[in-house]
């Protein structure tokens, strides 16, 4: 059986949907803090179980009979190291034979704030003795296209990435990589996959693409890290999230969100989704 943590999240649901295309529902275990949010999958025959990172006693029962585990990184920045370790400990006790973890691009050398908890989790996996594979996901296209309509409406995009190229892919692309690793005939244990989109873009190029597709003018304004963080807080983001995003954008200016190995497209057997297609989908929604 294959289990997915964070199955009620955006990436988790995409993984579930893709697994259901080729695997019996009864062989899939969807783990969530609130199982009721996955009732639609339970109706299809998926085994929906409670797994709450903050309630370690729920984790071992949730992994009963599971052989492969997709550990999707948690969303609570600052708490993830302890939460992930609890799940890894449960996986050891449950006899899981492979853990796939969604890390971050070049976690072992990245200077991004976001990389710290991912690296700590990678180290915990190494220490656990479990067979594991690292899916070092790059930036999601949705990190930008999620606000595409608003950006077009205001005709202005703000950031701190300078001329740094960002190689994004969609959540569905990264979900496909996870499914390939979990269901493929070859062994992926011990492998590290640096995953990113086939083609990168600067934020100036992204703004130009927004303008081209929408038919409305969109300009990009580059800011310092401090000014961009202040801007994000001004539009309503919590200080911690604004700090993390501004730090990531500055990292992008140094090339930390770019990779041209095309490892992701090779793993999923098709090109990654171009940013233009993601923009079109976002503006049509």
C-alpha atoms as a PDB file:
ATOM      1  CA  UNK A   1       0.000   0.000   0.000  1.00  0.00           C
ATOM      2  CA  UNK A   2       0.999   3.575  -0.705  1.00  0.00           C
ATOM      3  CA  UNK A   3       0.279   6.331   1.819  1.00  0.00           C
ATOM      4  CA  UNK A   4       0.316  10.090   1.283  1.00  0.00           C
ATOM      5  CA  UNK A   5       0.651  12.571   4.128  1.00  0.00           C
ATOM      6  CA  UNK A   6      -1.052  15.935   3.821  1.00  0.00           C
ATOM      7  CA  UNK A   7      -3.447  14.277   1.397  1.00  0.00           C
ATOM      8  CA  UNK A   8      -6.062  16.997   1.813  1.00  0.00           C
ATOM      9  CA  UNK A   9      -3.638  19.679   0.627  1.00  0.00           C
ATOM     10  CA  UNK A  10      -3.253  20.994  -2.901  1.00  0.00           C
ATOM     11  CA  UNK A  11      -0.308  18.767  -3.812  1.00  0.00           C
ATOM     12  CA  UNK A  12      -1.684  15.776  -1.897  1.00  0.00           C
ATOM     13  CA  UNK A  13      -4.976  15.779  -3.779  1.00  0.00           C
ATOM     14  CA  UNK A  14      -3.174  15.918  -7.115  1.00  0.00           C
ATOM     15  CA  UNK A  15      -1.074  12.912  -6.108  1.00  0.00           C
ATOM     16  CA  UNK A  16      -4.208  11.025  -5.051  1.00  0.00           C
ATOM     17  CA  UNK A  17      -5.952  11.817  -8.329  1.00  0.00           C
ATOM     18  CA  UNK A  18      -2.997  10.626 -10.384  1.00  0.00           C
ATOM     19  CA  UNK A  19      -2.524   7.468  -8.314  1.00  0.00           C
ATOM     20  CA  UNK A  20      -6.180   6.584  -8.814  1.00  0.00           C
ATOM     21  CA  UNK A  21      -5.671   6.585 -12.582  1.00  0.00           C
ATOM     22  CA  UNK A  22      -3.454   3.485 -12.404  1.00  0.00           C
ATOM     23  CA  UNK A  23      -3.811   1.942  -8.937  1.00  0.00           C
ATOM     24  CA  UNK A  24      -6.675   0.272  -7.082  1.00  0.00           C
ATOM     25  CA  UNK A  25      -8.233   2.675  -4.594  1.00  0.00           C
ATOM     26  CA  UNK A  26      -7.960   0.044  -1.867  1.00  0.00           C
ATOM     27  CA  UNK A  27      -4.147   0.166  -2.176  1.00  0.00           C
ATOM     28  CA  UNK A  28      -4.031   3.905  -1.480  1.00  0.00           C
ATOM     29  CA  UNK A  29      -3.984   5.402   2.019  1.00  0.00           C
ATOM     30  CA  UNK A  30      -4.789   9.095   2.355  1.00  0.00           C
ATOM     31  CA  UNK A  31      -3.533  10.629   5.596  1.00  0.00           C
ATOM     32  CA  UNK A  32      -4.973  13.880   6.901  1.00  0.00           C
ATOM     33  CA  UNK A  33      -5.407  15.748  10.154  1.00  0.00           C
ATOM     34  CA  UNK A  34      -9.130  15.927   9.406  1.00  0.00           C
ATOM     35  CA  UNK A  35     -10.190  12.772   7.536  1.00  0.00           C
ATOM     36  CA  UNK A  36     -13.666  14.173   6.878  1.00  0.00           C
ATOM     37  CA  UNK A  37     -12.137  16.570   4.342  1.00  0.00           C
ATOM     38  CA  UNK A  38     -11.380  13.533   2.151  1.00  0.00           C
ATOM     39  CA  UNK A  39     -14.824  11.919   2.240  1.00  0.00           C
ATOM     40  CA  UNK A  40     -15.034  12.020  -1.553  1.00  0.00           C
ATOM     41  CA  UNK A  41     -11.935   9.829  -1.804  1.00  0.00           C
ATOM     42  CA  UNK A  42     -13.252   7.474   0.876  1.00  0.00           C
ATOM     43  CA  UNK A  43     -16.376   7.046  -1.260  1.00  0.00           C
ATOM     44  CA  UNK A  44     -14.106   5.877  -4.094  1.00  0.00           C
ATOM     45  CA  UNK A  45     -12.543   3.210  -1.870  1.00  0.00           C
ATOM     46  CA  UNK A  46      -9.395   5.039  -0.756  1.00  0.00           C
ATOM     47  CA  UNK A  47      -8.410   4.249   2.831  1.00  0.00           C
ATOM     48  CA  UNK A  48      -8.681   7.591   4.621  1.00  0.00           C
ATOM     49  CA  UNK A  49      -6.962   7.692   8.008  1.00  0.00           C
ATOM     50  CA  UNK A  50      -6.248  10.351  10.582  1.00  0.00           C
ATOM     51  CA  UNK A  51      -2.607  11.369  10.936  1.00  0.00           C
ATOM     52  CA  UNK A  52      -1.989  14.480  13.008  1.00  0.00           C
ATOM     53  CA  UNK A  53       1.655  15.546  13.271  1.00  0.00           C
ATOM     54  CA  UNK A  54       0.889  17.145  16.623  1.00  0.00           C
ATOM     55  CA  UNK A  55      -0.663  13.928  17.948  1.00  0.00           C
ATOM     56  CA  UNK A  56       2.105  11.340  17.490  1.00  0.00           C
ATOM     57  CA  UNK A  57      -0.152   8.603  18.818  1.00  0.00           C
ATOM     58  CA  UNK A  58      -2.173   8.835  15.559  1.00  0.00           C
ATOM     59  CA  UNK A  59       0.807   8.227  13.284  1.00  0.00           C
ATOM     60  CA  UNK A  60       1.739   4.581  13.825  1.00  0.00           C
ATOM     61  CA  UNK A  61      -1.862   3.289  13.449  1.00  0.00           C
ATOM     62  CA  UNK A  62      -2.186   5.415  10.302  1.00  0.00           C
ATOM     63  CA  UNK A  63       0.727   3.560   8.712  1.00  0.00           C
ATOM     64  CA  UNK A  64      -0.513   0.031   9.364  1.00  0.00           C
ATOM     65  CA  UNK A  65       0.198  -2.105   6.294  1.00  0.00           C
ATOM     66  CA  UNK A  66       1.865   0.750   4.408  1.00  0.00           C
ATOM     67  CA  UNK A  67       4.957  -0.103   2.355  1.00  0.00           C
ATOM     68  CA  UNK A  68       5.607   3.177   0.542  1.00  0.00           C
ATOM     69  CA  UNK A  69       5.098   6.604   2.098  1.00  0.00           C
ATOM     70  CA  UNK A  70       5.034   9.986   0.409  1.00  0.00           C
ATOM     71  CA  UNK A  71       5.963  12.465   3.116  1.00  0.00           C
ATOM     72  CA  UNK A  72       4.709  15.799   1.815  1.00  0.00           C
ATOM     73  CA  UNK A  73       6.371  18.555   3.797  1.00  0.00           C
ATOM     74  CA  UNK A  74       4.063  20.217   6.293  1.00  0.00           C
ATOM     75  CA  UNK A  75       2.789  23.760   5.921  1.00  0.00           C
ATOM     76  CA  UNK A  76       3.586  25.061   9.399  1.00  0.00           C
ATOM     77  CA  UNK A  77       6.972  26.695   8.929  1.00  0.00           C
ATOM     78  CA  UNK A  78       8.904  26.551  12.194  1.00  0.00           C
ATOM     79  CA  UNK A  79       7.227  23.341  13.359  1.00  0.00           C
ATOM     80  CA  UNK A  80       8.039  21.060  10.458  1.00  0.00           C
ATOM     81  CA  UNK A  81      11.286  19.512  11.680  1.00  0.00           C
ATOM     82  CA  UNK A  82       9.669  18.013  14.780  1.00  0.00           C
ATOM     83  CA  UNK A  83       6.529  17.057  12.876  1.00  0.00           C
ATOM     84  CA  UNK A  84       8.453  15.281  10.145  1.00  0.00           C
ATOM     85  CA  UNK A  85      10.638  13.453  12.662  1.00  0.00           C
ATOM     86  CA  UNK A  86       7.516  12.129  14.377  1.00  0.00           C
ATOM     87  CA  UNK A  87       6.281  10.711  11.077  1.00  0.00           C
ATOM     88  CA  UNK A  88       9.690   9.241  10.272  1.00  0.00           C
ATOM     89  CA  UNK A  89       9.801   7.539  13.687  1.00  0.00           C
ATOM     90  CA  UNK A  90       6.363   6.054  13.030  1.00  0.00           C
ATOM     91  CA  UNK A  91       7.480   4.868   9.576  1.00  0.00           C
ATOM     92  CA  UNK A  92      10.416   3.023  11.161  1.00  0.00           C
ATOM     93  CA  UNK A  93       8.102   1.293  13.644  1.00  0.00           C
ATOM     94  CA  UNK A  94       5.583   0.457  10.925  1.00  0.00           C
ATOM     95  CA  UNK A  95       8.183  -1.219   8.706  1.00  0.00           C
ATOM     96  CA  UNK A  96       7.758   1.143   5.770  1.00  0.00           C
ATOM     97  CA  UNK A  97      10.101   0.097   2.943  1.00  0.00           C
ATOM     98  CA  UNK A  98      10.410   3.440   1.112  1.00  0.00           C
ATOM     99  CA  UNK A  99       9.863   7.070   2.086  1.00  0.00           C
ATOM    100  CA  UNK A 100       9.700   9.742  -0.610  1.00  0.00           C
ATOM    101  CA  UNK A 101      10.090  13.240   0.827  1.00  0.00           C
ATOM    102  CA  UNK A 102       9.192  16.507  -0.892  1.00  0.00           C
ATOM    103  CA  UNK A 103      12.179  18.675  -0.075  1.00  0.00           C
ATOM    104  CA  UNK A 104      13.428  21.886  -1.724  1.00  0.00           C
ATOM    105  CA  UNK A 105      15.785  22.475  -4.637  1.00  0.00           C
ATOM    106  CA  UNK A 106      19.411  21.848  -3.596  1.00  0.00           C
ATOM    107  CA  UNK A 107      18.474  21.719   0.086  1.00  0.00           C
ATOM    108  CA  UNK A 108      22.006  20.757   1.104  1.00  0.00           C
ATOM    109  CA  UNK A 109      23.566  23.918  -0.334  1.00  0.00           C
ATOM    110  CA  UNK A 110      20.664  26.384  -0.442  1.00  0.00           C
ATOM    111  CA  UNK A 111      20.890  29.583   1.592  1.00  0.00           C
ATOM    112  CA  UNK A 112      17.107  30.045   1.627  1.00  0.00           C
ATOM    113  CA  UNK A 113      15.404  30.202   5.018  1.00  0.00           C
ATOM    114  CA  UNK A 114      12.954  27.624   3.708  1.00  0.00           C
ATOM    115  CA  UNK A 115      15.745  25.097   3.181  1.00  0.00           C
ATOM    116  CA  UNK A 116      16.660  24.770   6.861  1.00  0.00           C
ATOM    117  CA  UNK A 117      13.759  22.533   7.917  1.00  0.00           C
ATOM    118  CA  UNK A 118      13.981  20.537   4.702  1.00  0.00           C
ATOM    119  CA  UNK A 119      17.660  19.802   5.290  1.00  0.00           C
ATOM    120  CA  UNK A 120      16.937  18.816   8.893  1.00  0.00           C
ATOM    121  CA  UNK A 121      14.297  16.382   7.629  1.00  0.00           C
ATOM    122  CA  UNK A 122      16.692  14.928   5.059  1.00  0.00           C
ATOM    123  CA  UNK A 123      19.216  14.385   7.853  1.00  0.00           C
ATOM    124  CA  UNK A 124      16.546  12.717  10.008  1.00  0.00           C
ATOM    125  CA  UNK A 125      15.743  10.339   7.167  1.00  0.00           C
ATOM    126  CA  UNK A 126      19.419   9.514   6.762  1.00  0.00           C
ATOM    127  CA  UNK A 127      19.733   8.784  10.477  1.00  0.00           C
ATOM    128  CA  UNK A 128      16.564   6.657  10.542  1.00  0.00           C
ATOM    129  CA  UNK A 129      17.977   3.842   8.425  1.00  0.00           C
ATOM    130  CA  UNK A 130      14.863   3.881   6.237  1.00  0.00           C
ATOM    131  CA  UNK A 131      15.246   3.553   2.479  1.00  0.00           C
ATOM    132  CA  UNK A 132      14.320   6.974   1.115  1.00  0.00           C
ATOM    133  CA  UNK A 133      14.286   9.135  -2.000  1.00  0.00           C
ATOM    134  CA  UNK A 134      14.440  12.924  -2.030  1.00  0.00           C
ATOM    135  CA  UNK A 135      12.151  14.868  -4.339  1.00  0.00           C
ATOM    136  CA  UNK A 136      13.752  18.299  -4.137  1.00  0.00           C
ATOM    137  CA  UNK A 137      10.948  20.368  -5.597  1.00  0.00           C
ATOM    138  CA  UNK A 138      11.663  23.762  -7.098  1.00  0.00           C
ATOM    139  CA  UNK A 139       9.229  26.670  -7.093  1.00  0.00           C
ATOM    140  CA  UNK A 140       5.583  26.102  -7.972  1.00  0.00           C
ATOM    141  CA  UNK A 141       4.215  28.085 -10.924  1.00  0.00           C
ATOM    142  CA  UNK A 142       1.136  28.669  -8.784  1.00  0.00           C
ATOM    143  CA  UNK A 143       3.256  30.756  -6.399  1.00  0.00           C
ATOM    144  CA  UNK A 144       2.968  33.431  -9.097  1.00  0.00           C
ATOM    145  CA  UNK A 145      -0.082  32.515 -11.154  1.00  0.00           C
ATOM    146  CA  UNK A 146      -2.238  32.291  -8.026  1.00  0.00           C
ATOM    147  CA  UNK A 147      -2.307  36.095  -8.060  1.00  0.00           C
ATOM    148  CA  UNK A 148      -2.132  36.541 -11.842  1.00  0.00           C
ATOM    149  CA  UNK A 149      -5.597  38.109 -12.164  1.00  0.00           C
ATOM    150  CA  UNK A 150      -4.867  40.594  -9.384  1.00  0.00           C
ATOM    151  CA  UNK A 151      -1.493  41.458 -10.910  1.00  0.00           C
ATOM    152  CA  UNK A 152      -3.119  42.117 -14.284  1.00  0.00           C
ATOM    153  CA  UNK A 153      -5.850  44.187 -12.655  1.00  0.00           C
ATOM    154  CA  UNK A 154      -3.292  46.456 -10.994  1.00  0.00           C
ATOM    155  CA  UNK A 155      -0.893  46.331 -13.922  1.00  0.00           C
ATOM    156  CA  UNK A 156       2.031  45.930 -11.566  1.00  0.00           C
ATOM    157  CA  UNK A 157       4.194  43.085 -10.294  1.00  0.00           C
ATOM    158  CA  UNK A 158       6.536  43.607  -7.361  1.00  0.00           C
ATOM    159  CA  UNK A 159       9.379  41.356  -6.303  1.00  0.00           C
ATOM    160  CA  UNK A 160      13.012  41.119  -5.278  1.00  0.00           C
ATOM    161  CA  UNK A 161      14.353  38.533  -7.734  1.00  0.00           C
ATOM    162  CA  UNK A 162      16.193  41.012  -9.957  1.00  0.00           C
ATOM    163  CA  UNK A 163      17.283  39.319 -13.178  1.00  0.00           C
ATOM    164  CA  UNK A 164      17.441  35.895 -11.564  1.00  0.00           C
ATOM    165  CA  UNK A 165      15.848  33.105 -13.568  1.00  0.00           C
ATOM    166  CA  UNK A 166      13.194  30.976 -11.882  1.00  0.00           C
ATOM    167  CA  UNK A 167      12.451  27.491 -13.245  1.00  0.00           C
ATOM    168  CA  UNK A 168       8.921  26.796 -12.076  1.00  0.00           C
ATOM    169  CA  UNK A 169       6.683  23.811 -12.703  1.00  0.00           C
ATOM    170  CA  UNK A 170       3.075  23.209 -11.756  1.00  0.00           C
ATOM    171  CA  UNK A 171       1.956  21.268  -8.709  1.00  0.00           C
ATOM    172  CA  UNK A 172       0.588  18.673 -11.128  1.00  0.00           C
ATOM    173  CA  UNK A 173       4.076  18.271 -12.612  1.00  0.00           C
ATOM    174  CA  UNK A 174       5.605  17.698  -9.186  1.00  0.00           C
ATOM    175  CA  UNK A 175       2.740  15.352  -8.272  1.00  0.00           C
ATOM    176  CA  UNK A 176       3.544  13.310 -11.377  1.00  0.00           C
ATOM    177  CA  UNK A 177       7.141  12.971 -10.205  1.00  0.00           C
ATOM    178  CA  UNK A 178       5.991  11.655  -6.843  1.00  0.00           C
ATOM    179  CA  UNK A 179       3.692   9.144  -8.523  1.00  0.00           C
ATOM    180  CA  UNK A 180       6.500   7.997 -10.836  1.00  0.00           C
ATOM    181  CA  UNK A 181       8.755   7.312  -7.867  1.00  0.00           C
ATOM    182  CA  UNK A 182       6.037   5.563  -5.858  1.00  0.00           C
ATOM    183  CA  UNK A 183       4.786   3.329  -8.659  1.00  0.00           C
ATOM    184  CA  UNK A 184       7.740   2.801 -10.997  1.00  0.00           C
ATOM    185  CA  UNK A 185       9.278  -0.621 -11.480  1.00  0.00           C
ATOM    186  CA  UNK A 186      12.829   0.552 -10.786  1.00  0.00           C
ATOM    187  CA  UNK A 187      14.133   1.231  -7.288  1.00  0.00           C
ATOM    188  CA  UNK A 188      14.488   4.897  -6.395  1.00  0.00           C
ATOM    189  CA  UNK A 189      15.870   4.339  -2.900  1.00  0.00           C
ATOM    190  CA  UNK A 190      18.947   6.438  -2.241  1.00  0.00           C
ATOM    191  CA  UNK A 191      18.330   8.798  -5.132  1.00  0.00           C
ATOM    192  CA  UNK A 192      18.142  12.573  -4.982  1.00  0.00           C
ATOM    193  CA  UNK A 193      16.115  14.337  -7.661  1.00  0.00           C
ATOM    194  CA  UNK A 194      16.607  18.078  -8.221  1.00  0.00           C
ATOM    195  CA  UNK A 195      13.261  18.992  -9.761  1.00  0.00           C
ATOM    196  CA  UNK A 196      12.386  22.169 -11.659  1.00  0.00           C
ATOM    197  CA  UNK A 197      10.669  23.370 -14.807  1.00  0.00           C
ATOM    198  CA  UNK A 198      12.264  22.884 -18.211  1.00  0.00           C
ATOM    199  CA  UNK A 199      12.381  26.613 -18.901  1.00  0.00           C
ATOM    200  CA  UNK A 200      13.152  29.478 -16.572  1.00  0.00           C
ATOM    201  CA  UNK A 201      12.043  33.100 -16.664  1.00  0.00           C
ATOM    202  CA  UNK A 202      12.844  36.371 -14.955  1.00  0.00           C
ATOM    203  CA  UNK A 203      10.043  38.271 -13.268  1.00  0.00           C
ATOM    204  CA  UNK A 204      10.336  40.926 -15.969  1.00  0.00           C
ATOM    205  CA  UNK A 205       9.681  38.196 -18.528  1.00  0.00           C
ATOM    206  CA  UNK A 206       6.812  36.877 -16.436  1.00  0.00           C
ATOM    207  CA  UNK A 207       5.236  40.347 -16.329  1.00  0.00           C
ATOM    208  CA  UNK A 208       5.649  40.629 -20.110  1.00  0.00           C
ATOM    209  CA  UNK A 209       3.930  37.258 -20.577  1.00  0.00           C
ATOM    210  CA  UNK A 210       1.067  38.379 -18.349  1.00  0.00           C
ATOM    211  CA  UNK A 211       0.689  41.477 -20.502  1.00  0.00           C
ATOM    212  CA  UNK A 212       0.846  39.488 -23.732  1.00  0.00           C
ATOM    213  CA  UNK A 213      -1.796  36.970 -22.670  1.00  0.00           C
ATOM    214  CA  UNK A 214      -4.147  39.443 -20.973  1.00  0.00           C
ATOM    215  CA  UNK A 215      -3.732  42.247 -23.500  1.00  0.00           C
ATOM    216  CA  UNK A 216      -3.204  44.692 -20.649  1.00  0.00           C
ATOM    217  CA  UNK A 217      -0.002  46.462 -19.565  1.00  0.00           C
ATOM    218  CA  UNK A 218       1.884  44.843 -16.673  1.00  0.00           C
ATOM    219  CA  UNK A 219       5.197  46.169 -15.386  1.00  0.00           C
ATOM    220  CA  UNK A 220       7.707  44.635 -12.995  1.00  0.00           C
ATOM    221  CA  UNK A 221       9.243  46.668 -10.179  1.00  0.00           C
ATOM    222  CA  UNK A 222      12.281  45.189  -8.462  1.00  0.00           C
ATOM    223  CA  UNK A 223      12.690  46.039  -4.795  1.00  0.00           C
ATOM    224  CA  UNK A 224      15.226  45.390  -2.076  1.00  0.00           C
ATOM    225  CA  UNK A 225      14.528  42.441   0.192  1.00  0.00           C
ATOM    226  CA  UNK A 226      13.523  44.774   3.033  1.00  0.00           C
ATOM    227  CA  UNK A 227      11.220  46.863   0.847  1.00  0.00           C
ATOM    228  CA  UNK A 228       9.586  43.791  -0.688  1.00  0.00           C
ATOM    229  CA  UNK A 229       8.976  42.323   2.765  1.00  0.00           C
ATOM    230  CA  UNK A 230       7.429  45.615   3.851  1.00  0.00           C
ATOM    231  CA  UNK A 231       5.236  45.614   0.730  1.00  0.00           C
ATOM    232  CA  UNK A 232       4.024  42.082   1.439  1.00  0.00           C
ATOM    233  CA  UNK A 233       3.157  42.998   5.010  1.00  0.00           C
ATOM    234  CA  UNK A 234       1.383  46.106   3.761  1.00  0.00           C
ATOM    235  CA  UNK A 235      -0.896  43.980   1.568  1.00  0.00           C
ATOM    236  CA  UNK A 236      -1.764  41.770   4.517  1.00  0.00           C
ATOM    237  CA  UNK A 237       0.742  38.924   4.789  1.00  0.00           C
ATOM    238  CA  UNK A 238       1.914  37.927   8.281  1.00  0.00           C
ATOM    239  CA  UNK A 239       5.428  39.090   9.098  1.00  0.00           C
ATOM    240  CA  UNK A 240       6.930  35.590   9.159  1.00  0.00           C
ATOM    241  CA  UNK A 241       5.488  34.632   5.769  1.00  0.00           C
ATOM    242  CA  UNK A 242       6.483  37.981   4.258  1.00  0.00           C
ATOM    243  CA  UNK A 243      10.030  37.531   5.541  1.00  0.00           C
ATOM    244  CA  UNK A 244      10.241  34.023   4.094  1.00  0.00           C
ATOM    245  CA  UNK A 245       8.914  35.064   0.676  1.00  0.00           C
ATOM    246  CA  UNK A 246      11.206  38.082   0.480  1.00  0.00           C
ATOM    247  CA  UNK A 247      14.155  35.883   1.418  1.00  0.00           C
ATOM    248  CA  UNK A 248      13.198  33.379  -1.293  1.00  0.00           C
ATOM    249  CA  UNK A 249      12.896  36.094  -3.923  1.00  0.00           C
ATOM    250  CA  UNK A 250      16.316  37.415  -3.028  1.00  0.00           C
ATOM    251  CA  UNK A 251      17.629  33.871  -3.288  1.00  0.00           C
ATOM    252  CA  UNK A 252      16.119  33.723  -6.764  1.00  0.00           C
ATOM    253  CA  UNK A 253      18.217  36.741  -7.723  1.00  0.00           C
ATOM    254  CA  UNK A 254      21.249  34.544  -6.966  1.00  0.00           C
ATOM    255  CA  UNK A 255      19.927  31.655  -9.071  1.00  0.00           C
ATOM    256  CA  UNK A 256      18.721  29.504  -6.184  1.00  0.00           C
ATOM    257  CA  UNK A 257      15.339  28.825  -7.785  1.00  0.00           C
ATOM    258  CA  UNK A 258      16.790  27.837 -11.158  1.00  0.00           C
ATOM    259  CA  UNK A 259      17.864  24.446 -12.481  1.00  0.00           C
ATOM    260  CA  UNK A 260      18.270  23.418 -16.104  1.00  0.00           C
ATOM    261  CA  UNK A 261      18.941  19.693 -15.706  1.00  0.00           C
ATOM    262  CA  UNK A 262      15.406  18.807 -16.899  1.00  0.00           C
ATOM    263  CA  UNK A 263      15.376  16.044 -14.278  1.00  0.00           C
ATOM    264  CA  UNK A 264      11.669  16.591 -13.660  1.00  0.00           C
ATOM    265  CA  UNK A 265      10.600  16.163 -17.273  1.00  0.00           C
ATOM    266  CA  UNK A 266      12.815  13.096 -17.612  1.00  0.00           C
ATOM    267  CA  UNK A 267      11.232  11.559 -14.507  1.00  0.00           C
ATOM    268  CA  UNK A 268       7.651  12.177 -15.603  1.00  0.00           C
ATOM    269  CA  UNK A 269       8.249  11.331 -19.259  1.00  0.00           C
ATOM    270  CA  UNK A 270       6.934  14.592 -20.709  1.00  0.00           C
ATOM    271  CA  UNK A 271       7.831  18.295 -20.808  1.00  0.00           C
ATOM    272  CA  UNK A 272       6.910  20.355 -17.783  1.00  0.00           C
ATOM    273  CA  UNK A 273       4.007  22.789 -18.108  1.00  0.00           C
ATOM    274  CA  UNK A 274       5.135  26.127 -19.624  1.00  0.00           C
ATOM    275  CA  UNK A 275       4.440  29.233 -17.544  1.00  0.00           C
ATOM    276  CA  UNK A 276       2.357  30.610 -20.423  1.00  0.00           C
ATOM    277  CA  UNK A 277      -0.082  27.700 -20.089  1.00  0.00           C
ATOM    278  CA  UNK A 278      -0.297  28.241 -16.339  1.00  0.00           C
ATOM    279  CA  UNK A 279      -1.019  31.932 -16.856  1.00  0.00           C
ATOM    280  CA  UNK A 280      -3.758  31.185 -19.386  1.00  0.00           C
ATOM    281  CA  UNK A 281      -5.383  28.701 -17.002  1.00  0.00           C
ATOM    282  CA  UNK A 282      -5.192  31.126 -14.093  1.00  0.00           C
ATOM    283  CA  UNK A 283      -6.700  34.035 -16.018  1.00  0.00           C
ATOM    284  CA  UNK A 284      -9.475  31.820 -17.377  1.00  0.00           C
ATOM    285  CA  UNK A 285     -10.472  30.545 -13.937  1.00  0.00           C
END
